[in-house]
Amino acid sequence: MPHPSAIIVCPAVPQSNNGNWRTAERWRRMLAPMVRATIAQQWNGETHALMLALHARRSAASIAAWDRSRARRVKEGKGQPRPLIVVLTGTDLYRDIRSDAGAHRSMRVADALVVLQERGLRSLPAAVRGKGAVIYQSCSRRRSVRKTGRHLRAVMVGHLRDEKCPQTLFAAARLLRHRNDIKIDHVGAALTPGLARSAAATARACPNYRWLGARPHADTLRRIQRAHLLINASSMEGGAHAILEAVRTGTAVLASRIDGNVGMLGEDYRGYFPLMDAAGLARLLQRCRDEPQLLALLDRQCRARAPLFHPRREQQALRRLVSRLLFRRNG
């Protein structure tokens, strides 16, 4: 018997090089032994046994069309409803599900709601929380490399848009412009012209800050690997790829204290700073340079979280969910 087919709806395109696209492609590969999955930006009515949709709001049209189609099939006596899994991103969890009608409908009609870190379940409305499942994203472990002792190297990874709060990094870099022993690299495409101008102005004013623009994923991983610290200053995250890539690479993290980051790194992690607090970020960077014991502690805490982001763990959780919804219905 051939494997059943599935569609993974992902609004992002491969060229975007963002976390949603990488999740979709990774899940396509992980499901291959049990399901033939295709990635598309929207569903156009093709026949599949399962839909897995990333983004409750941006994929709302495909989700609604799938739900109407499966209801019509059941009414016509053509079998059981074809299951629907909706993966909630950071903008879903921490913005859109509070007010967007399409996102609300997506949650209501889904058979399962996937969140990408443990605190995500808290943000689900009580009426649909029972559908929730946590699946941590993953990447392969890369060997740790010896970090230079001449300076502290920090890297922030994220396209220039408001949700990533690059303004916090710009202000922190200006506060540290006298510290020649603290270097900051910033990887991300210029999605917002005003933020791009701010990044360029910061680079001109601060010799220790470099805006590198968009970079291929492999190059970005190498930069994370060589850095002492990854910075994540976001205001909302569903489960940041850059954080798990840093943890699996042997690079500690400084992160804004938001649910999406705490759900990745744990309640007791010592590398948090308040959201939009540039001075707090600057202080942590200075302490990591001046107090080696703090950086060593963050390294240990990140190593303790690394097993959460192992590919085998993600694959098992994903296959278990798909099997429960698809094969038991059809059995």
Protein backbone atom coordinates (compact mmCIF):
# COMPACT_ATOMS: atom_id res chain seq x y z
CA MET A 1 0.00 0.00 0.00
CA PRO A 2 1.38 3.47 -0.86
CA HIS A 3 1.87 5.93 1.95
CA PRO A 4 -0.95 8.45 2.41
CA SER A 5 -0.25 11.95 1.17
CA ALA A 6 -0.23 15.16 3.19
CA ILE A 7 0.07 18.84 2.43
CA ILE A 8 2.14 21.14 4.61
CA VAL A 9 0.85 24.69 4.12
CA CYS A 10 3.59 27.24 4.79
CA PRO A 11 3.08 30.87 3.76
CA ALA A 12 6.86 31.43 3.62
CA VAL A 13 8.83 30.76 0.44
CA PRO A 14 12.15 28.88 0.36
CA GLN A 15 14.02 32.08 -0.48
CA SER A 16 12.86 33.68 2.78
CA ASN A 17 15.24 31.45 4.77
CA ASN A 18 13.04 31.86 7.85
CA GLY A 19 12.14 29.51 10.67
CA ASN A 20 8.70 28.57 9.33
CA TRP A 21 10.09 27.39 6.02
CA ARG A 22 12.86 25.38 7.68
CA THR A 23 10.30 23.76 9.98
CA ALA A 24 8.09 22.80 7.03
CA GLU A 25 10.99 21.26 5.11
CA ARG A 26 12.33 19.44 8.15
CA TRP A 27 8.88 18.00 8.95
CA ARG A 28 8.44 16.90 5.36
CA ARG A 29 11.62 14.85 5.68
CA MET A 30 10.74 13.53 9.13
CA LEU A 31 7.35 12.28 7.94
CA ALA A 32 8.69 10.66 4.77
CA PRO A 33 8.69 7.04 6.04
CA MET A 34 4.97 7.22 6.87
CA VAL A 35 3.48 10.09 4.81
CA ARG A 36 4.26 11.58 1.38
CA ALA A 37 4.21 15.28 2.24
CA THR A 38 4.21 18.25 -0.14
CA ILE A 39 4.92 21.85 0.89
CA ALA A 40 2.81 24.63 -0.62
CA GLN A 41 2.00 28.23 0.22
CA GLN A 42 -1.71 27.46 0.00
CA TRP A 43 -4.06 24.53 -0.58
CA ASN A 44 -5.74 24.52 -3.98
CA GLY A 45 -8.11 21.60 -3.56
CA GLU A 46 -5.74 18.72 -4.24
CA THR A 47 -6.58 15.37 -2.63
CA HIS A 48 -4.58 14.63 0.51
CA ALA A 49 -5.22 12.58 3.62
CA LEU A 50 -3.92 15.24 6.03
CA MET A 51 -3.24 18.97 6.20
CA LEU A 52 -0.55 20.41 8.44
CA ALA A 53 -0.74 24.22 8.35
CA LEU A 54 1.83 26.61 9.76
CA HIS A 55 0.36 29.91 10.95
CA ALA A 56 -3.26 30.14 12.09
CA ARG A 57 -3.80 33.59 10.58
CA ARG A 58 -1.73 33.59 7.41
CA SER A 59 -2.89 30.08 6.44
CA ALA A 60 -6.51 30.78 7.47
CA ALA A 61 -7.92 30.66 3.93
CA SER A 62 -6.41 27.22 3.22
CA ILE A 63 -7.52 25.94 6.64
CA ALA A 64 -11.10 27.13 6.10
CA ALA A 65 -11.24 25.63 2.60
CA TRP A 66 -9.93 22.29 3.89
CA ASP A 67 -12.53 22.25 6.67
CA ARG A 68 -15.37 22.98 4.24
CA SER A 69 -14.12 20.26 1.88
CA ARG A 70 -13.89 17.60 4.53
CA ALA A 71 -17.33 18.48 5.93
CA ARG A 72 -18.77 18.13 2.41
CA ARG A 73 -17.10 14.72 1.99
CA VAL A 74 -18.57 13.45 5.24
CA LYS A 75 -22.02 14.73 4.27
CA GLU A 76 -21.72 12.88 0.96
CA GLY A 77 -20.74 9.67 2.77
CA LYS A 78 -17.18 9.59 1.46
CA GLY A 79 -15.49 8.63 4.70
CA GLN A 80 -14.16 10.13 7.90
CA PRO A 81 -13.05 13.78 8.15
CA ARG A 82 -9.49 14.28 6.98
CA PRO A 83 -7.46 15.55 9.94
CA LEU A 84 -6.09 19.04 10.27
CA ILE A 85 -3.08 20.11 12.36
CA VAL A 86 -2.42 23.83 12.90
CA VAL A 87 1.00 25.02 14.08
CA LEU A 88 0.88 28.29 15.99
CA THR A 89 3.70 30.74 15.38
CA GLY A 90 4.84 33.54 17.66
CA THR A 91 2.67 36.18 16.01
CA ASP A 92 -0.29 33.77 16.27
CA LEU A 93 0.20 33.05 19.97
CA TYR A 94 1.12 36.50 21.18
CA ARG A 95 -0.90 38.74 18.88
CA ASP A 96 -3.28 37.34 16.28
CA ILE A 97 -5.33 34.84 18.29
CA ARG A 98 -6.35 37.70 20.58
CA SER A 99 -8.25 39.57 17.88
CA ASP A 100 -8.12 37.98 14.40
CA ALA A 101 -11.27 36.13 13.33
CA GLY A 102 -9.40 33.93 10.84
CA ALA A 103 -6.92 32.78 13.48
CA HIS A 104 -9.78 32.02 15.89
CA ARG A 105 -11.56 29.92 13.28
CA SER A 106 -8.35 28.04 12.46
CA MET A 107 -8.00 27.02 16.10
CA ARG A 108 -11.65 26.03 16.39
CA VAL A 109 -11.67 23.68 13.37
CA ALA A 110 -8.24 22.11 13.95
CA ASP A 111 -7.97 18.59 15.31
CA ALA A 112 -4.65 19.45 16.97
CA LEU A 113 -2.82 22.67 17.78
CA VAL A 114 0.98 22.49 17.90
CA VAL A 115 3.05 24.96 19.90
CA LEU A 116 6.82 24.98 19.68
CA GLN A 117 7.79 25.56 23.31
CA GLU A 118 6.31 24.70 26.67
CA ARG A 119 4.90 28.13 27.53
CA GLY A 120 2.91 28.24 24.30
CA LEU A 121 0.11 26.18 25.83
CA ARG A 122 -0.58 28.97 28.32
CA SER A 123 -1.59 31.33 25.53
CA LEU A 124 -4.21 29.03 24.01
CA PRO A 125 -7.82 29.91 24.84
CA ALA A 126 -9.28 27.54 27.42
CA ALA A 127 -11.84 26.21 24.92
CA VAL A 128 -9.14 24.76 22.64
CA ARG A 129 -6.30 24.11 25.09
CA GLY A 130 -7.12 20.41 25.16
CA LYS A 131 -6.05 20.17 21.51
CA GLY A 132 -2.58 21.52 22.32
CA ALA A 133 0.66 19.58 21.87
CA VAL A 134 4.23 20.77 22.39
CA ILE A 135 6.77 19.81 19.73
CA TYR A 136 10.19 21.35 20.20
CA GLN A 137 11.98 22.12 16.95
CA SER A 138 15.42 20.67 16.44
CA CYS A 139 18.68 20.71 14.57
CA SER A 140 21.72 18.48 14.45
CA ARG A 141 24.40 19.09 17.03
CA ARG A 142 27.46 20.90 15.70
CA ARG A 143 30.75 20.55 17.48
CA SER A 144 31.71 23.41 19.76
CA VAL A 145 34.68 25.43 18.58
CA ARG A 146 37.26 27.21 20.64
CA LYS A 147 36.23 30.84 21.13
CA THR A 148 38.75 33.63 20.95
CA GLY A 149 39.91 35.18 24.21
CA ARG A 150 40.82 38.52 22.63
CA HIS A 151 37.25 39.78 22.73
CA LEU A 152 33.65 38.75 23.33
CA ARG A 153 31.77 38.06 20.09
CA ALA A 154 27.96 38.29 20.14
CA VAL A 155 25.65 37.72 17.18
CA MET A 156 21.97 38.58 16.73
CA VAL A 157 20.07 36.66 14.04
CA GLY A 158 16.76 38.00 12.76
CA HIS A 159 15.43 39.96 9.82
CA LEU A 160 14.92 43.65 10.53
CA ARG A 161 11.27 43.90 11.58
CA ASP A 162 9.55 45.25 14.66
CA GLU A 163 8.82 41.87 16.27
CA LYS A 164 12.58 41.18 16.50
CA CYS A 165 13.16 44.50 18.34
CA PRO A 166 16.44 45.38 16.61
CA GLN A 167 16.17 48.85 18.17
CA THR A 168 17.19 47.25 21.48
CA LEU A 169 20.39 45.98 19.89
CA PHE A 170 21.12 49.33 18.22
CA ALA A 171 20.83 51.15 21.54
CA ALA A 172 22.92 48.53 23.37
CA ALA A 173 25.65 48.81 20.74
CA ARG A 174 25.77 52.57 21.24
CA LEU A 175 26.06 52.11 25.01
CA LEU A 176 29.00 49.77 24.42
CA ARG A 177 30.76 51.66 21.64
CA HIS A 178 33.69 52.38 23.98
CA ARG A 179 34.19 48.63 24.60
CA ASN A 180 36.58 47.49 21.89
CA ASP A 181 36.62 44.05 23.49
CA ILE A 182 32.88 43.45 22.83
CA LYS A 183 32.02 42.81 19.16
CA ILE A 184 28.45 42.57 17.89
CA ASP A 185 27.41 41.09 14.54
CA HIS A 186 23.84 41.42 13.27
CA VAL A 187 22.50 39.02 10.61
CA GLY A 188 19.19 39.82 8.95
CA ALA A 189 17.58 41.16 5.81
CA ALA A 190 16.27 44.72 5.61
CA LEU A 191 12.53 44.04 5.72
CA THR A 192 11.73 47.51 7.11
CA PRO A 193 13.48 50.49 5.45
CA GLY A 194 13.51 52.60 8.61
CA LEU A 195 15.16 49.82 10.61
CA ALA A 196 17.69 49.31 7.83
CA ARG A 197 18.63 52.98 8.04
CA SER A 198 18.97 52.67 11.82
CA ALA A 199 21.22 49.63 11.44
CA ALA A 200 23.45 51.45 8.97
CA ALA A 201 23.61 54.51 11.25
CA THR A 202 24.53 52.33 14.22
CA ALA A 203 27.32 50.71 12.22
CA ARG A 204 28.71 54.14 11.32
CA ALA A 205 28.58 55.33 14.94
CA CYS A 206 29.78 52.13 16.63
CA PRO A 207 32.96 50.42 15.43
CA ASN A 208 32.07 47.34 17.47
CA TYR A 209 28.74 46.75 15.62
CA ARG A 210 28.40 45.22 12.13
CA TRP A 211 25.15 44.80 10.22
CA LEU A 212 25.82 41.92 7.84
CA GLY A 213 22.45 41.81 6.06
CA ALA A 214 20.92 38.52 4.92
CA ARG A 215 23.28 35.55 4.91
CA PRO A 216 22.91 31.95 3.73
CA HIS A 217 21.81 29.63 6.51
CA ALA A 218 25.09 27.71 6.55
CA ASP A 219 27.06 30.93 6.93
CA THR A 220 24.76 32.09 9.73
CA LEU A 221 25.28 28.80 11.57
CA ARG A 222 29.05 29.20 11.35
CA ARG A 223 28.77 32.69 12.82
CA ILE A 224 26.64 31.40 15.70
CA GLN A 225 29.14 28.60 16.25
CA ARG A 226 32.09 30.98 16.51
CA ALA A 227 30.31 33.50 18.76
CA HIS A 228 30.39 33.46 22.54
CA LEU A 229 26.76 34.58 22.69
CA LEU A 230 23.60 34.66 20.60
CA ILE A 231 21.29 37.62 21.27
CA ASN A 232 17.52 37.35 20.90
CA ALA A 233 15.75 40.63 21.73
CA SER A 234 12.32 39.75 20.27
CA SER A 235 8.97 40.92 21.57
CA MET A 236 7.25 37.70 20.42
CA GLU A 237 8.58 34.27 19.47
CA GLY A 238 6.82 30.98 18.89
CA GLY A 239 10.10 29.10 19.38
CA ALA A 240 13.13 30.78 17.86
CA HIS A 241 15.23 28.64 15.52
CA ALA A 242 18.29 30.74 16.26
CA ILE A 243 18.07 29.90 19.96
CA LEU A 244 17.96 26.16 19.45
CA GLU A 245 20.73 26.38 16.85
CA ALA A 246 22.90 28.24 19.35
CA VAL A 247 22.17 25.75 22.13
CA ARG A 248 22.93 22.79 19.86
CA THR A 249 26.12 24.49 18.68
CA GLY A 250 27.61 25.24 22.09
CA THR A 251 26.86 28.97 22.11
CA ALA A 252 25.13 30.57 25.10
CA VAL A 253 22.15 32.91 24.71
CA LEU A 254 21.10 36.34 25.97
CA ALA A 255 17.35 36.71 25.49
CA SER A 256 14.48 39.05 26.27
CA ARG A 257 12.31 37.67 29.03
CA ILE A 258 9.22 36.80 26.99
CA ASP A 259 7.18 33.58 27.09
CA GLY A 260 8.56 32.29 23.79
CA ASN A 261 12.15 32.55 25.01
CA VAL A 262 11.48 31.31 28.55
CA GLY A 263 9.67 28.32 27.05
CA MET A 264 12.87 27.46 25.18
CA LEU A 265 15.51 28.18 27.83
CA GLY A 266 13.67 27.51 31.10
CA GLU A 267 12.39 29.52 34.04
CA ASP A 268 15.71 29.67 35.89
CA TYR A 269 17.95 30.66 33.00
CA ARG A 270 20.32 33.46 33.99
CA GLY A 271 20.71 35.14 30.60
CA TYR A 272 17.46 37.11 30.40
CA PHE A 273 17.05 40.87 30.17
CA PRO A 274 13.75 42.82 30.30
CA LEU A 275 12.03 43.37 26.97
CA MET A 276 13.29 46.49 25.15
CA ASP A 277 15.82 47.15 27.92
CA ALA A 278 18.96 48.12 25.98
CA ALA A 279 20.80 49.02 29.17
CA GLY A 280 19.99 45.60 30.62
CA LEU A 281 21.31 43.88 27.50
CA ALA A 282 24.45 46.02 27.55
CA ARG A 283 25.06 45.15 31.21
CA LEU A 284 24.74 41.43 30.51
CA LEU A 285 27.18 41.67 27.60
CA GLN A 286 29.69 43.49 29.80
CA ARG A 287 29.26 40.98 32.61
CA CYS A 288 29.80 38.05 30.25
CA ARG A 289 33.07 39.69 29.16
CA ASP A 290 34.22 40.80 32.61
CA GLU A 291 32.91 37.86 34.67
CA PRO A 292 33.93 34.60 32.98
CA GLN A 293 31.99 32.62 35.58
CA LEU A 294 28.68 34.05 34.30
CA LEU A 295 29.41 33.01 30.72
CA ALA A 296 30.43 29.56 31.98
CA LEU A 297 27.13 29.28 33.88
CA LEU A 298 25.12 30.20 30.79
CA ASP A 299 27.06 27.62 28.80
CA ARG A 300 26.17 24.92 31.35
CA GLN A 301 22.52 25.91 31.43
CA CYS A 302 22.30 25.80 27.64
CA ARG A 303 23.96 22.38 27.51
CA ALA A 304 21.33 21.12 29.95
CA ARG A 305 18.55 22.25 27.57
CA ALA A 306 20.18 20.84 24.42
CA PRO A 307 18.46 17.40 24.57
CA LEU A 308 15.07 19.11 24.16
CA PHE A 309 16.11 20.13 20.65
CA HIS A 310 17.41 16.73 19.47
CA PRO A 311 16.04 15.74 16.03
CA ARG A 312 14.98 12.29 17.24
CA ARG A 313 12.81 13.83 19.95
CA GLU A 314 11.11 16.14 17.46
CA GLN A 315 10.60 13.35 14.94
CA GLN A 316 9.05 11.02 17.51
CA ALA A 317 6.64 13.69 18.77
CA LEU A 318 5.60 14.66 15.23
CA ARG A 319 5.09 11.08 14.04
CA ARG A 320 3.17 10.20 17.19
CA LEU A 321 0.75 13.08 16.61
CA VAL A 322 0.25 12.32 12.91
CA SER A 323 -0.20 8.62 13.61
CA ARG A 324 -2.82 9.30 16.28
CA LEU A 325 -4.85 11.56 13.99
CA LEU A 326 -4.39 9.82 10.66
CA PHE A 327 -3.90 6.10 11.01
CA ARG A 328 -6.23 5.42 13.93
CA ARG A 329 -9.02 7.27 12.13
CA ASN A 330 -8.42 5.25 9.02
CA GLY A 331 -7.87 1.97 10.81
